Amino acid sequence: MNQHESFSDSVYEEQTHLAERELSSFIAVVTKLYGPEQARLAAEDWLDESELMDSPPRSEARNWRAVTIAAAARLANRVNVRASSDAIARPTDN
């Protein structure tokens, strides 16, 4: 293996580790706050958002926090829609 391939592989491994850590942290928080079903959906959102990133998959500069923010926005929208639907479905005591 030449030096360029070795560098490329180490960058790829580092980016993979960073992505795994970011996703793991995000899912842990979502599970704690919203439960396992929302965490599963949030993980799917996170993976979808990671595929939508502009940078190539083996890029040296991937912004995993931006992926998490985008997935969190999807989660917030889903949770807000569900809360609104629940509120509409429940009659209020006046």
C-alpha atoms as a PDB file:
ATOM      1  CA  MET A   1       0.000   0.000   0.000  1.00  0.00           C
ATOM      2  CA  ASN A   2       1.396   3.389  -0.904  1.00  0.00           C
ATOM      3  CA  GLN A   3       1.462   6.430   1.357  1.00  0.00           C
ATOM      4  CA  HIS A   4      -1.528   8.104  -0.360  1.00  0.00           C
ATOM      5  CA  GLU A   5      -3.719   5.007   0.093  1.00  0.00           C
ATOM      6  CA  SER A   6      -2.633   4.718   3.722  1.00  0.00           C
ATOM      7  CA  PHE A   7      -3.506   8.383   4.376  1.00  0.00           C
ATOM      8  CA  SER A   8      -6.823   8.004   2.578  1.00  0.00           C
ATOM      9  CA  ASP A   9      -7.690   4.919   4.607  1.00  0.00           C
ATOM     10  CA  SER A  10      -6.809   6.621   7.894  1.00  0.00           C
ATOM     11  CA  VAL A  11      -8.953   9.652   6.995  1.00  0.00           C
ATOM     12  CA  TYR A  12     -11.803   7.335   6.065  1.00  0.00           C
ATOM     13  CA  GLU A  13     -11.446   5.460   9.372  1.00  0.00           C
ATOM     14  CA  GLU A  14     -11.396   8.729  11.316  1.00  0.00           C
ATOM     15  CA  GLN A  15     -14.510  10.010   9.534  1.00  0.00           C
ATOM     16  CA  THR A  16     -16.258   6.693  10.148  1.00  0.00           C
ATOM     17  CA  HIS A  17     -15.415   6.900  13.852  1.00  0.00           C
ATOM     18  CA  LEU A  18     -16.650  10.497  14.064  1.00  0.00           C
ATOM     19  CA  ALA A  19     -19.894   9.596  12.279  1.00  0.00           C
ATOM     20  CA  GLU A  20     -20.481   6.604  14.538  1.00  0.00           C
ATOM     21  CA  ARG A  21     -19.872   8.700  17.649  1.00  0.00           C
ATOM     22  CA  GLU A  22     -22.177  11.491  16.452  1.00  0.00           C
ATOM     23  CA  LEU A  23     -24.976   9.078  15.513  1.00  0.00           C
ATOM     24  CA  SER A  24     -24.607   7.137  18.768  1.00  0.00           C
ATOM     25  CA  SER A  25     -24.838  10.297  20.868  1.00  0.00           C
ATOM     26  CA  PHE A  26     -27.845  11.546  18.936  1.00  0.00           C
ATOM     27  CA  ILE A  27     -29.708   8.246  19.273  1.00  0.00           C
ATOM     28  CA  ALA A  28     -28.939   8.009  23.004  1.00  0.00           C
ATOM     29  CA  VAL A  29     -30.462  11.443  23.616  1.00  0.00           C
ATOM     30  CA  VAL A  30     -33.500  10.789  21.426  1.00  0.00           C
ATOM     31  CA  THR A  31     -34.097   7.459  23.196  1.00  0.00           C
ATOM     32  CA  LYS A  32     -33.905   9.138  26.600  1.00  0.00           C
ATOM     33  CA  LEU A  33     -36.223  11.995  25.642  1.00  0.00           C
ATOM     34  CA  TYR A  34     -38.690  10.361  23.248  1.00  0.00           C
ATOM     35  CA  GLY A  35     -38.318   6.590  23.534  1.00  0.00           C
ATOM     36  CA  PRO A  36     -37.052   3.790  21.303  1.00  0.00           C
ATOM     37  CA  GLU A  37     -39.561   4.200  18.453  1.00  0.00           C
ATOM     38  CA  GLN A  38     -38.637   7.839  17.883  1.00  0.00           C
ATOM     39  CA  ALA A  39     -34.967   6.870  18.225  1.00  0.00           C
ATOM     40  CA  ARG A  40     -35.347   4.298  15.448  1.00  0.00           C
ATOM     41  CA  LEU A  41     -37.011   6.870  13.197  1.00  0.00           C
ATOM     42  CA  ALA A  42     -34.387   9.477  14.116  1.00  0.00           C
ATOM     43  CA  ALA A  43     -31.601   7.040  13.197  1.00  0.00           C
ATOM     44  CA  GLU A  44     -33.205   6.551   9.785  1.00  0.00           C
ATOM     45  CA  ASP A  45     -33.467  10.329   9.409  1.00  0.00           C
ATOM     46  CA  TRP A  46     -29.805  10.723  10.369  1.00  0.00           C
ATOM     47  CA  LEU A  47     -28.700   8.155   7.801  1.00  0.00           C
ATOM     48  CA  ASP A  48     -30.893   9.772   5.129  1.00  0.00           C
ATOM     49  CA  GLU A  49     -29.424  13.183   5.918  1.00  0.00           C
ATOM     50  CA  SER A  50     -25.880  11.806   5.806  1.00  0.00           C
ATOM     51  CA  GLU A  51     -26.548  10.611   2.253  1.00  0.00           C
ATOM     52  CA  LEU A  52     -27.780  14.085   1.279  1.00  0.00           C
ATOM     53  CA  MET A  53     -24.524  15.782   2.293  1.00  0.00           C
ATOM     54  CA  ASP A  54     -22.800  17.667  -0.507  1.00  0.00           C
ATOM     55  CA  SER A  55     -19.323  16.326   0.206  1.00  0.00           C
ATOM     56  CA  PRO A  56     -18.195  13.016  -1.270  1.00  0.00           C
ATOM     57  CA  PRO A  57     -18.399   9.971   1.066  1.00  0.00           C
ATOM     58  CA  ARG A  58     -14.620   9.668   1.447  1.00  0.00           C
ATOM     59  CA  SER A  59     -14.119  13.394   1.942  1.00  0.00           C
ATOM     60  CA  GLU A  60     -11.733  14.637   4.602  1.00  0.00           C
ATOM     61  CA  ALA A  61     -14.161  17.309   5.812  1.00  0.00           C
ATOM     62  CA  ARG A  62     -17.586  15.911   6.649  1.00  0.00           C
ATOM     63  CA  ASN A  63     -19.757  17.955   8.985  1.00  0.00           C
ATOM     64  CA  TRP A  64     -21.487  15.270  11.052  1.00  0.00           C
ATOM     65  CA  ARG A  65     -22.968  17.861  13.396  1.00  0.00           C
ATOM     66  CA  ALA A  66     -24.859  19.342  10.422  1.00  0.00           C
ATOM     67  CA  VAL A  67     -26.298  15.886   9.746  1.00  0.00           C
ATOM     68  CA  THR A  68     -27.429  15.664  13.372  1.00  0.00           C
ATOM     69  CA  ILE A  69     -29.007  19.114  13.226  1.00  0.00           C
ATOM     70  CA  ALA A  70     -30.936  18.211  10.075  1.00  0.00           C
ATOM     71  CA  ALA A  71     -32.108  14.917  11.610  1.00  0.00           C
ATOM     72  CA  ALA A  72     -33.095  16.757  14.807  1.00  0.00           C
ATOM     73  CA  ALA A  73     -35.170  19.173  12.730  1.00  0.00           C
ATOM     74  CA  ARG A  74     -37.003  16.215  11.198  1.00  0.00           C
ATOM     75  CA  LEU A  75     -37.551  14.777  14.677  1.00  0.00           C
ATOM     76  CA  ALA A  76     -38.861  18.101  15.993  1.00  0.00           C
ATOM     77  CA  ASN A  77     -41.276  18.372  13.091  1.00  0.00           C
ATOM     78  CA  ARG A  78     -42.499  14.806  13.599  1.00  0.00           C
ATOM     79  CA  VAL A  79     -42.920  15.253  17.371  1.00  0.00           C
ATOM     80  CA  ASN A  80     -44.681  18.620  16.937  1.00  0.00           C
ATOM     81  CA  VAL A  81     -47.073  17.222  14.330  1.00  0.00           C
ATOM     82  CA  ARG A  82     -47.853  14.274  16.603  1.00  0.00           C
ATOM     83  CA  ALA A  83     -48.399  16.545  19.613  1.00  0.00           C
ATOM     84  CA  SER A  84     -50.690  18.794  17.565  1.00  0.00           C
ATOM     85  CA  SER A  85     -52.664  15.793  16.311  1.00  0.00           C
ATOM     86  CA  ASP A  86     -53.005  14.473  19.864  1.00  0.00           C
ATOM     87  CA  ALA A  87     -54.207  17.867  21.091  1.00  0.00           C
ATOM     88  CA  ILE A  88     -56.824  18.086  18.320  1.00  0.00           C
ATOM     89  CA  ALA A  89     -58.022  14.543  19.003  1.00  0.00           C
ATOM     90  CA  ARG A  90     -58.481  15.208  22.739  1.00  0.00           C
ATOM     91  CA  PRO A  91     -61.499  17.260  23.659  1.00  0.00           C
ATOM     92  CA  THR A  92     -60.748  20.077  26.059  1.00  0.00           C
ATOM     93  CA  ASP A  93     -62.638  20.686  29.254  1.00  0.00           C
ATOM     94  CA  ASN A  94     -64.096  24.180  29.185  1.00  0.00           C
END
